[in-house]
């Protein structure tokens, strides 16, 4: 079901040509756009129920991985560097295209705490997005592994049937 209030809050970001480029970047076996949208929507809904600043949460969560480095085209060392530093990349890139409040900046730059060596999240909203991002990423990775296992199982079944 579409949440019209949520869609209105994120409309300028979601309709941005630059943000749409995240649809082309593989992320957790899917794409960065869908991952960011999922983290944003879930964080928004939880923040609203908890009486937190759900508008800032929706926007910052949508931008938490807004940078255009494509991990499939870089070395393992560069991937590790990106994992640790991407909150800073996302903040810098987000500020280039959108106005951000101090809370939104904190949400973006601390969303990988404690993995990324930034700072401890200042706000409940920052902690919320950090946790939702972790849960969503785990679920996405499990879904990708499940598809891979099913694909392999199907291959072996077809192979066995042809013997």
C-alpha atoms as a PDB file:
ATOM      1  CA  UNK A   1       0.000   0.000   0.000  1.00  0.00           C
ATOM      2  CA  UNK A   2       1.337   3.435  -0.950  1.00  0.00           C
ATOM      3  CA  UNK A   3       1.796   5.940   1.866  1.00  0.00           C
ATOM      4  CA  UNK A   4       1.048   9.312   0.234  1.00  0.00           C
ATOM      5  CA  UNK A   5       2.564  11.322   3.086  1.00  0.00           C
ATOM      6  CA  UNK A   6       5.818   9.356   2.831  1.00  0.00           C
ATOM      7  CA  UNK A   7       5.932   9.769  -0.960  1.00  0.00           C
ATOM      8  CA  UNK A   8       5.407  13.531  -0.610  1.00  0.00           C
ATOM      9  CA  UNK A   9       8.228  13.803   1.971  1.00  0.00           C
ATOM     10  CA  UNK A  10      10.768  12.089  -0.292  1.00  0.00           C
ATOM     11  CA  UNK A  11       9.454  13.290  -3.658  1.00  0.00           C
ATOM     12  CA  UNK A  12      12.280  15.742  -4.439  1.00  0.00           C
ATOM     13  CA  UNK A  13      14.926  13.116  -3.701  1.00  0.00           C
ATOM     14  CA  UNK A  14      13.161  10.216  -5.377  1.00  0.00           C
ATOM     15  CA  UNK A  15      12.490  12.200  -8.541  1.00  0.00           C
ATOM     16  CA  UNK A  16      16.063  13.457  -8.755  1.00  0.00           C
ATOM     17  CA  UNK A  17      17.869  12.274 -11.872  1.00  0.00           C
ATOM     18  CA  UNK A  18      21.042  11.770  -9.834  1.00  0.00           C
ATOM     19  CA  UNK A  19      19.297   9.637  -7.198  1.00  0.00           C
ATOM     20  CA  UNK A  20      17.687   7.518  -9.911  1.00  0.00           C
ATOM     21  CA  UNK A  21      21.208   6.432 -10.938  1.00  0.00           C
ATOM     22  CA  UNK A  22      21.317   4.288  -7.775  1.00  0.00           C
ATOM     23  CA  UNK A  23      18.987   1.859  -9.567  1.00  0.00           C
ATOM     24  CA  UNK A  24      21.979   0.804 -11.677  1.00  0.00           C
ATOM     25  CA  UNK A  25      24.282  -0.021  -8.754  1.00  0.00           C
ATOM     26  CA  UNK A  26      24.300  -3.543  -7.302  1.00  0.00           C
ATOM     27  CA  UNK A  27      23.887  -3.501  -3.526  1.00  0.00           C
ATOM     28  CA  UNK A  28      23.304  -6.578  -1.336  1.00  0.00           C
ATOM     29  CA  UNK A  29      22.661  -8.536  -4.517  1.00  0.00           C
ATOM     30  CA  UNK A  30      19.862  -6.173  -5.503  1.00  0.00           C
ATOM     31  CA  UNK A  31      20.218  -2.473  -6.268  1.00  0.00           C
ATOM     32  CA  UNK A  32      21.057   0.505  -4.096  1.00  0.00           C
ATOM     33  CA  UNK A  33      17.829   2.332  -4.939  1.00  0.00           C
ATOM     34  CA  UNK A  34      15.550  -0.473  -3.689  1.00  0.00           C
ATOM     35  CA  UNK A  35      17.695  -0.982  -0.594  1.00  0.00           C
ATOM     36  CA  UNK A  36      17.602   2.722   0.269  1.00  0.00           C
ATOM     37  CA  UNK A  37      13.878   2.984  -0.372  1.00  0.00           C
ATOM     38  CA  UNK A  38      13.221  -0.034   1.865  1.00  0.00           C
ATOM     39  CA  UNK A  39      15.366   1.362   4.709  1.00  0.00           C
ATOM     40  CA  UNK A  40      13.686   4.737   4.326  1.00  0.00           C
ATOM     41  CA  UNK A  41      10.108   3.453   4.339  1.00  0.00           C
ATOM     42  CA  UNK A  42      10.588   1.095   7.301  1.00  0.00           C
ATOM     43  CA  UNK A  43      12.481   3.738   9.283  1.00  0.00           C
ATOM     44  CA  UNK A  44       9.786   6.315   8.504  1.00  0.00           C
ATOM     45  CA  UNK A  45       6.990   4.005   9.714  1.00  0.00           C
ATOM     46  CA  UNK A  46       8.799   3.119  12.944  1.00  0.00           C
ATOM     47  CA  UNK A  47       9.791   6.746  13.614  1.00  0.00           C
ATOM     48  CA  UNK A  48       6.195   7.857  13.126  1.00  0.00           C
ATOM     49  CA  UNK A  49       4.930   5.255  15.623  1.00  0.00           C
ATOM     50  CA  UNK A  50       7.604   6.292  18.133  1.00  0.00           C
ATOM     51  CA  UNK A  51       6.849  10.012  17.786  1.00  0.00           C
ATOM     52  CA  UNK A  52      10.265  10.797  16.311  1.00  0.00           C
ATOM     53  CA  UNK A  53      11.123  13.212  13.488  1.00  0.00           C
ATOM     54  CA  UNK A  54       9.798  10.921  10.781  1.00  0.00           C
ATOM     55  CA  UNK A  55      10.240  13.433   7.952  1.00  0.00           C
ATOM     56  CA  UNK A  56      13.956  13.765   8.649  1.00  0.00           C
ATOM     57  CA  UNK A  57      14.222  10.006   9.093  1.00  0.00           C
ATOM     58  CA  UNK A  58      12.521   9.291   5.757  1.00  0.00           C
ATOM     59  CA  UNK A  59      14.759  11.705   3.862  1.00  0.00           C
ATOM     60  CA  UNK A  60      18.066  10.837   5.544  1.00  0.00           C
ATOM     61  CA  UNK A  61      17.416   7.099   5.378  1.00  0.00           C
ATOM     62  CA  UNK A  62      16.740   7.436   1.663  1.00  0.00           C
ATOM     63  CA  UNK A  63      20.093   9.204   1.285  1.00  0.00           C
ATOM     64  CA  UNK A  64      22.110   6.980   3.640  1.00  0.00           C
ATOM     65  CA  UNK A  65      23.813   5.153   0.733  1.00  0.00           C
ATOM     66  CA  UNK A  66      23.599   7.933  -1.853  1.00  0.00           C
ATOM     67  CA  UNK A  67      26.938   7.736  -3.647  1.00  0.00           C
ATOM     68  CA  UNK A  68      27.688   6.277  -7.036  1.00  0.00           C
ATOM     69  CA  UNK A  69      30.712   4.016  -6.462  1.00  0.00           C
ATOM     70  CA  UNK A  70      29.816   0.638  -7.946  1.00  0.00           C
ATOM     71  CA  UNK A  71      31.345  -2.137  -5.823  1.00  0.00           C
ATOM     72  CA  UNK A  72      31.337  -4.654  -8.665  1.00  0.00           C
ATOM     73  CA  UNK A  73      33.979  -2.655 -10.523  1.00  0.00           C
ATOM     74  CA  UNK A  74      36.503  -2.180  -7.698  1.00  0.00           C
ATOM     75  CA  UNK A  75      39.117  -4.286  -5.905  1.00  0.00           C
ATOM     76  CA  UNK A  76      38.562  -6.065  -2.587  1.00  0.00           C
ATOM     77  CA  UNK A  77      40.709  -3.446  -0.848  1.00  0.00           C
ATOM     78  CA  UNK A  78      38.616  -0.647  -2.363  1.00  0.00           C
ATOM     79  CA  UNK A  79      35.413  -2.483  -1.314  1.00  0.00           C
ATOM     80  CA  UNK A  80      36.629  -2.576   2.296  1.00  0.00           C
ATOM     81  CA  UNK A  81      37.516   1.110   2.104  1.00  0.00           C
ATOM     82  CA  UNK A  82      34.071   1.904   0.684  1.00  0.00           C
ATOM     83  CA  UNK A  83      32.340  -0.108   3.430  1.00  0.00           C
ATOM     84  CA  UNK A  84      34.075   1.944   6.103  1.00  0.00           C
ATOM     85  CA  UNK A  85      33.932   5.332   4.404  1.00  0.00           C
ATOM     86  CA  UNK A  86      30.677   5.322   2.451  1.00  0.00           C
ATOM     87  CA  UNK A  87      28.700   7.198   5.135  1.00  0.00           C
ATOM     88  CA  UNK A  88      31.034  10.172   4.540  1.00  0.00           C
ATOM     89  CA  UNK A  89      30.699   9.743   0.766  1.00  0.00           C
ATOM     90  CA  UNK A  90      26.907   9.630   1.077  1.00  0.00           C
ATOM     91  CA  UNK A  91      26.815  12.754   3.245  1.00  0.00           C
ATOM     92  CA  UNK A  92      29.058  14.727   0.898  1.00  0.00           C
ATOM     93  CA  UNK A  93      27.137  13.630  -2.179  1.00  0.00           C
ATOM     94  CA  UNK A  94      23.751  14.283  -0.536  1.00  0.00           C
ATOM     95  CA  UNK A  95      24.785  17.805   0.459  1.00  0.00           C
ATOM     96  CA  UNK A  96      25.727  18.476  -3.161  1.00  0.00           C
ATOM     97  CA  UNK A  97      22.112  17.961  -4.288  1.00  0.00           C
ATOM     98  CA  UNK A  98      19.858  18.492  -1.253  1.00  0.00           C
ATOM     99  CA  UNK A  99      19.508  20.720   1.798  1.00  0.00           C
ATOM    100  CA  UNK A 100      20.066  18.661   4.957  1.00  0.00           C
ATOM    101  CA  UNK A 101      19.269  19.424   8.577  1.00  0.00           C
ATOM    102  CA  UNK A 102      21.855  18.676  11.258  1.00  0.00           C
ATOM    103  CA  UNK A 103      19.831  15.631  12.302  1.00  0.00           C
ATOM    104  CA  UNK A 104      19.684  14.336   8.723  1.00  0.00           C
ATOM    105  CA  UNK A 105      23.450  14.766   8.429  1.00  0.00           C
ATOM    106  CA  UNK A 106      23.964  12.794  11.638  1.00  0.00           C
ATOM    107  CA  UNK A 107      21.637  10.017  10.458  1.00  0.00           C
ATOM    108  CA  UNK A 108      23.578   9.634   7.201  1.00  0.00           C
ATOM    109  CA  UNK A 109      27.106   9.840   8.588  1.00  0.00           C
ATOM    110  CA  UNK A 110      26.492   7.519  11.565  1.00  0.00           C
ATOM    111  CA  UNK A 111      24.367   4.838   9.876  1.00  0.00           C
ATOM    112  CA  UNK A 112      27.251   2.345   9.937  1.00  0.00           C
ATOM    113  CA  UNK A 113      28.132   2.765  13.611  1.00  0.00           C
ATOM    114  CA  UNK A 114      30.230   1.089  15.002  1.00  0.00           C
ATOM    115  CA  UNK A 115      31.765  -0.275  11.772  1.00  0.00           C
ATOM    116  CA  UNK A 116      32.486   3.116  10.230  1.00  0.00           C
ATOM    117  CA  UNK A 117      34.892   5.250  12.256  1.00  0.00           C
ATOM    118  CA  UNK A 118      32.748   8.362  12.298  1.00  0.00           C
ATOM    119  CA  UNK A 119      31.082   9.241  15.555  1.00  0.00           C
ATOM    120  CA  UNK A 120      28.453   7.841  17.895  1.00  0.00           C
ATOM    121  CA  UNK A 121      24.921   8.687  16.691  1.00  0.00           C
ATOM    122  CA  UNK A 122      23.563  11.779  18.494  1.00  0.00           C
ATOM    123  CA  UNK A 123      19.857  11.213  17.965  1.00  0.00           C
ATOM    124  CA  UNK A 124      17.326   8.436  18.474  1.00  0.00           C
ATOM    125  CA  UNK A 125      16.526   8.838  14.777  1.00  0.00           C
ATOM    126  CA  UNK A 126      20.155   8.081  13.896  1.00  0.00           C
ATOM    127  CA  UNK A 127      20.131   4.922  15.997  1.00  0.00           C
ATOM    128  CA  UNK A 128      16.863   3.876  14.393  1.00  0.00           C
ATOM    129  CA  UNK A 129      18.161   4.160  10.823  1.00  0.00           C
ATOM    130  CA  UNK A 130      21.406   2.399  11.803  1.00  0.00           C
ATOM    131  CA  UNK A 131      19.445  -0.577  13.160  1.00  0.00           C
ATOM    132  CA  UNK A 132      16.871  -0.692  10.337  1.00  0.00           C
ATOM    133  CA  UNK A 133      19.661  -0.566   7.749  1.00  0.00           C
ATOM    134  CA  UNK A 134      21.382  -3.537   9.422  1.00  0.00           C
ATOM    135  CA  UNK A 135      18.190  -5.599   9.542  1.00  0.00           C
ATOM    136  CA  UNK A 136      17.250  -4.793   5.941  1.00  0.00           C
ATOM    137  CA  UNK A 137      20.778  -5.599   4.713  1.00  0.00           C
ATOM    138  CA  UNK A 138      20.727  -8.984   6.483  1.00  0.00           C
ATOM    139  CA  UNK A 139      17.317  -9.847   5.019  1.00  0.00           C
ATOM    140  CA  UNK A 140      18.442  -8.820   1.530  1.00  0.00           C
ATOM    141  CA  UNK A 141      21.604 -10.921   1.775  1.00  0.00           C
ATOM    142  CA  UNK A 142      19.595 -13.943   2.990  1.00  0.00           C
ATOM    143  CA  UNK A 143      17.160 -13.535   0.080  1.00  0.00           C
ATOM    144  CA  UNK A 144      20.029 -13.438  -2.413  1.00  0.00           C
ATOM    145  CA  UNK A 145      21.633 -16.561  -0.890  1.00  0.00           C
ATOM    146  CA  UNK A 146      18.269 -18.329  -0.909  1.00  0.00           C
ATOM    147  CA  UNK A 147      17.834 -17.587  -4.632  1.00  0.00           C
ATOM    148  CA  UNK A 148      21.362 -18.835  -5.325  1.00  0.00           C
ATOM    149  CA  UNK A 149      20.754 -22.071  -3.419  1.00  0.00           C
ATOM    150  CA  UNK A 150      17.417 -22.662  -5.168  1.00  0.00           C
ATOM    151  CA  UNK A 151      19.042 -22.032  -8.526  1.00  0.00           C
ATOM    152  CA  UNK A 152      21.783 -24.558  -7.759  1.00  0.00           C
ATOM    153  CA  UNK A 153      19.220 -27.078  -6.514  1.00  0.00           C
ATOM    154  CA  UNK A 154      17.190 -26.668  -9.713  1.00  0.00           C
ATOM    155  CA  UNK A 155      20.327 -27.165 -11.788  1.00  0.00           C
ATOM    156  CA  UNK A 156      21.168 -30.431  -9.999  1.00  0.00           C
ATOM    157  CA  UNK A 157      17.614 -31.704 -10.266  1.00  0.00           C
ATOM    158  CA  UNK A 158      17.587 -31.051 -14.011  1.00  0.00           C
ATOM    159  CA  UNK A 159      21.017 -32.670 -14.280  1.00  0.00           C
ATOM    160  CA  UNK A 160      19.840 -35.764 -12.380  1.00  0.00           C
ATOM    161  CA  UNK A 161      16.703 -36.028 -14.522  1.00  0.00           C
ATOM    162  CA  UNK A 162      18.789 -36.040 -17.699  1.00  0.00           C
ATOM    163  CA  UNK A 163      21.003 -38.940 -16.568  1.00  0.00           C
END
